[in-house]
Every structure is written in structure tokens, then in C-alpha cells.
Amino acid sequence: MLNVILLQAAGGAAQGQGSSWSFWIMMILIFVVFYFFMIRPQTKKQKELQKQREAMKKGDKVVTAGGIYGIIKEAGDSHFLIEISKDVVIKVDKGSVYASAEDAQTEEKK
């Protein structure tokens, strides 16, 4: 009787070990899927946006994150001076500036 109980306990431990491995394999697979479908595309998009911001120069039409349209008058290391109206210039952080859709359309026509 005692032998049967010990054998069942040993078998239960072996089954628990197998389910532990399957749990870790599933967790790794979920992480891989998240990486290739969510994390990697987002980092590529961020790098592309950073290159686009670095390429902006004086005279480019831009839109701020707040929706203000303007033209770059000066580009600094971490900011742009943007003219939003005649003789109205604002200083904006580079991280909140995007290329204007109007500017992109004119480049496509060329």
C-alpha cells in the first residue's frame, strides 16, 4: 500500500515538471509574438520618425503635436523656431514636430 502511494506521488511530481516546461515554452512563444508584431515595428517607426526630424531644415513646413502649422525658421540641437504667422515665431521641442502633410504631397508630385 505504501509503495503505491509513493509511486503515485513520484508520478505526480513528474507530471508537474512537464507542465512547468510547457508553461515556460508558452511564455517564451508569447513574448516572441509580442516582439515581432508589436515591439519591433514600433521601434522601426520611432527610428524613421527620428531620421525625419533630423532631416528637417529651414523652410520646411511642419505641424506641431498641438496642431499648429508653420514653417521652420531655425533648427537648433533640441528645438525649432517656427514661424506660425507673419512676425510670430515660437520655440518648439523637436520631439513635438512632424512633417506637414501638405509638404509631403508637394514632394510626391515632383
C-alpha atoms as a PDB file:
ATOM      1  CA  MET A   1       0.000   0.000   0.000  1.00  0.00           C
ATOM      2  CA  LEU A   2       2.790   2.403   0.899  1.00  0.00           C
ATOM      3  CA  ASN A   3       4.601   1.556  -2.342  1.00  0.00           C
ATOM      4  CA  VAL A   4       1.525   2.523  -4.383  1.00  0.00           C
ATOM      5  CA  ILE A   5       1.250   5.883  -2.657  1.00  0.00           C
ATOM      6  CA  LEU A   6       4.944   6.609  -3.204  1.00  0.00           C
ATOM      7  CA  LEU A   7       4.684   5.677  -6.886  1.00  0.00           C
ATOM      8  CA  GLN A   8       1.664   7.935  -7.360  1.00  0.00           C
ATOM      9  CA  ALA A   9       3.461  10.800  -5.645  1.00  0.00           C
ATOM     10  CA  ALA A  10       6.512  10.315  -7.875  1.00  0.00           C
ATOM     11  CA  GLY A  11       4.291  10.217 -10.969  1.00  0.00           C
ATOM     12  CA  GLY A  12       2.532  13.431  -9.892  1.00  0.00           C
ATOM     13  CA  ALA A  13       5.866  15.179  -9.472  1.00  0.00           C
ATOM     14  CA  ALA A  14       6.915  14.104 -12.962  1.00  0.00           C
ATOM     15  CA  GLN A  15       3.653  15.431 -14.407  1.00  0.00           C
ATOM     16  CA  GLY A  16       4.116  18.734 -12.571  1.00  0.00           C
ATOM     17  CA  GLN A  17       7.594  19.061 -14.058  1.00  0.00           C
ATOM     18  CA  GLY A  18       6.235  18.588 -17.578  1.00  0.00           C
ATOM     19  CA  SER A  19       3.545  21.205 -17.121  1.00  0.00           C
ATOM     20  CA  SER A  20       6.169  23.601 -15.790  1.00  0.00           C
ATOM     21  CA  TRP A  21       8.185  23.236 -19.001  1.00  0.00           C
ATOM     22  CA  SER A  22       5.125  23.731 -21.182  1.00  0.00           C
ATOM     23  CA  PHE A  23       4.276  26.872 -19.205  1.00  0.00           C
ATOM     24  CA  TRP A  24       7.724  28.377 -19.855  1.00  0.00           C
ATOM     25  CA  ILE A  25       7.648  27.414 -23.521  1.00  0.00           C
ATOM     26  CA  MET A  26       4.259  29.125 -23.920  1.00  0.00           C
ATOM     27  CA  MET A  27       5.507  32.243 -22.130  1.00  0.00           C
ATOM     28  CA  ILE A  28       8.538  32.426 -24.428  1.00  0.00           C
ATOM     29  CA  LEU A  29       6.350  31.983 -27.502  1.00  0.00           C
ATOM     30  CA  ILE A  30       4.021  34.755 -26.344  1.00  0.00           C
ATOM     31  CA  PHE A  31       6.985  37.075 -25.799  1.00  0.00           C
ATOM     32  CA  VAL A  32       8.354  36.283 -29.286  1.00  0.00           C
ATOM     33  CA  VAL A  33       4.978  37.033 -30.866  1.00  0.00           C
ATOM     34  CA  PHE A  34       4.701  40.333 -28.973  1.00  0.00           C
ATOM     35  CA  TYR A  35       8.230  41.259 -30.013  1.00  0.00           C
ATOM     36  CA  PHE A  36       7.748  40.641 -33.734  1.00  0.00           C
ATOM     37  CA  PHE A  37       4.233  42.054 -34.012  1.00  0.00           C
ATOM     38  CA  MET A  38       4.309  44.979 -31.573  1.00  0.00           C
ATOM     39  CA  ILE A  39       7.698  45.989 -30.203  1.00  0.00           C
ATOM     40  CA  ARG A  40       9.865  45.679 -33.333  1.00  0.00           C
ATOM     41  CA  PRO A  41       7.540  47.613 -35.697  1.00  0.00           C
ATOM     42  CA  GLN A  42       7.171  50.378 -33.114  1.00  0.00           C
ATOM     43  CA  THR A  43      10.944  50.797 -32.742  1.00  0.00           C
ATOM     44  CA  LYS A  44      11.324  50.906 -36.531  1.00  0.00           C
ATOM     45  CA  LYS A  45       8.657  53.599 -36.713  1.00  0.00           C
ATOM     46  CA  GLN A  46      10.376  55.624 -33.970  1.00  0.00           C
ATOM     47  CA  LYS A  47      13.755  55.415 -35.755  1.00  0.00           C
ATOM     48  CA  GLU A  48      12.162  56.551 -39.025  1.00  0.00           C
ATOM     49  CA  LEU A  49      10.474  59.485 -37.282  1.00  0.00           C
ATOM     50  CA  GLN A  50      13.784  60.451 -35.635  1.00  0.00           C
ATOM     51  CA  LYS A  51      15.571  60.421 -39.024  1.00  0.00           C
ATOM     52  CA  GLN A  52      12.787  62.538 -40.481  1.00  0.00           C
ATOM     53  CA  ARG A  53      13.151  65.106 -37.689  1.00  0.00           C
ATOM     54  CA  GLU A  54      16.932  65.230 -38.098  1.00  0.00           C
ATOM     55  CA  ALA A  55      16.477  65.893 -41.836  1.00  0.00           C
ATOM     56  CA  MET A  56      14.170  68.895 -41.273  1.00  0.00           C
ATOM     57  CA  LYS A  57      15.731  72.189 -42.238  1.00  0.00           C
ATOM     58  CA  LYS A  58      14.939  75.878 -42.588  1.00  0.00           C
ATOM     59  CA  GLY A  59      11.939  76.466 -44.824  1.00  0.00           C
ATOM     60  CA  ASP A  60      10.214  73.095 -44.266  1.00  0.00           C
ATOM     61  CA  LYS A  61       6.503  73.122 -43.492  1.00  0.00           C
ATOM     62  CA  VAL A  62       5.710  71.362 -40.208  1.00  0.00           C
ATOM     63  CA  VAL A  63       2.896  70.621 -37.783  1.00  0.00           C
ATOM     64  CA  THR A  64       3.362  70.563 -34.021  1.00  0.00           C
ATOM     65  CA  ALA A  65       1.827  67.917 -31.757  1.00  0.00           C
ATOM     66  CA  GLY A  66      -0.685  70.578 -30.710  1.00  0.00           C
ATOM     67  CA  GLY A  67      -1.838  71.067 -34.305  1.00  0.00           C
ATOM     68  CA  ILE A  68      -0.065  74.352 -35.083  1.00  0.00           C
ATOM     69  CA  TYR A  69       1.077  74.673 -38.696  1.00  0.00           C
ATOM     70  CA  GLY A  70       4.183  76.673 -39.504  1.00  0.00           C
ATOM     71  CA  ILE A  71       7.479  76.990 -41.322  1.00  0.00           C
ATOM     72  CA  ILE A  72      10.863  76.275 -39.727  1.00  0.00           C
ATOM     73  CA  LYS A  73      12.933  79.448 -39.390  1.00  0.00           C
ATOM     74  CA  GLU A  74      15.803  77.977 -37.383  1.00  0.00           C
ATOM     75  CA  ALA A  75      16.816  74.496 -36.276  1.00  0.00           C
ATOM     76  CA  GLY A  76      18.690  74.027 -33.023  1.00  0.00           C
ATOM     77  CA  ASP A  77      20.022  70.893 -31.324  1.00  0.00           C
ATOM     78  CA  SER A  78      16.834  70.162 -29.404  1.00  0.00           C
ATOM     79  CA  HIS A  79      14.354  72.735 -30.710  1.00  0.00           C
ATOM     80  CA  PHE A  80      12.950  74.515 -33.752  1.00  0.00           C
ATOM     81  CA  LEU A  81      11.967  78.135 -34.167  1.00  0.00           C
ATOM     82  CA  ILE A  82       8.731  78.004 -36.154  1.00  0.00           C
ATOM     83  CA  GLU A  83       7.015  80.945 -37.800  1.00  0.00           C
ATOM     84  CA  ILE A  84       3.264  80.456 -37.466  1.00  0.00           C
ATOM     85  CA  SER A  85       2.235  83.860 -38.823  1.00  0.00           C
ATOM     86  CA  LYS A  86       3.993  86.940 -40.123  1.00  0.00           C
ATOM     87  CA  ASP A  87       6.470  88.031 -37.421  1.00  0.00           C
ATOM     88  CA  VAL A  88       5.145  85.426 -34.944  1.00  0.00           C
ATOM     89  CA  VAL A  89       7.825  82.863 -34.066  1.00  0.00           C
ATOM     90  CA  ILE A  90       7.545  80.142 -31.444  1.00  0.00           C
ATOM     91  CA  LYS A  91      10.176  77.844 -29.979  1.00  0.00           C
ATOM     92  CA  VAL A  92       9.125  74.176 -30.066  1.00  0.00           C
ATOM     93  CA  ASP A  93      10.859  70.994 -28.907  1.00  0.00           C
ATOM     94  CA  LYS A  94      11.955  68.714 -31.770  1.00  0.00           C
ATOM     95  CA  GLY A  95      10.039  65.806 -30.256  1.00  0.00           C
ATOM     96  CA  SER A  96       6.712  67.506 -30.894  1.00  0.00           C
ATOM     97  CA  VAL A  97       7.202  68.404 -34.566  1.00  0.00           C
ATOM     98  CA  TYR A  98       6.078  66.382 -37.595  1.00  0.00           C
ATOM     99  CA  ALA A  99       6.422  66.980 -41.324  1.00  0.00           C
ATOM    100  CA  SER A 100       3.352  68.691 -42.730  1.00  0.00           C
ATOM    101  CA  ALA A 101       1.053  66.576 -44.913  1.00  0.00           C
ATOM    102  CA  GLU A 102       0.920  69.476 -47.383  1.00  0.00           C
ATOM    103  CA  ASP A 103       4.698  69.396 -47.713  1.00  0.00           C
ATOM    104  CA  ALA A 104       4.690  65.628 -48.275  1.00  0.00           C
ATOM    105  CA  GLN A 105       2.064  65.923 -51.032  1.00  0.00           C
ATOM    106  CA  THR A 106       4.098  68.512 -52.940  1.00  0.00           C
ATOM    107  CA  GLU A 107       7.186  66.270 -52.751  1.00  0.00           C
ATOM    108  CA  GLU A 108       5.196  63.323 -54.169  1.00  0.00           C
ATOM    109  CA  LYS A 109       4.122  65.418 -57.184  1.00  0.00           C
ATOM    110  CA  LYS A 110       7.739  66.250 -58.038  1.00  0.00           C
END
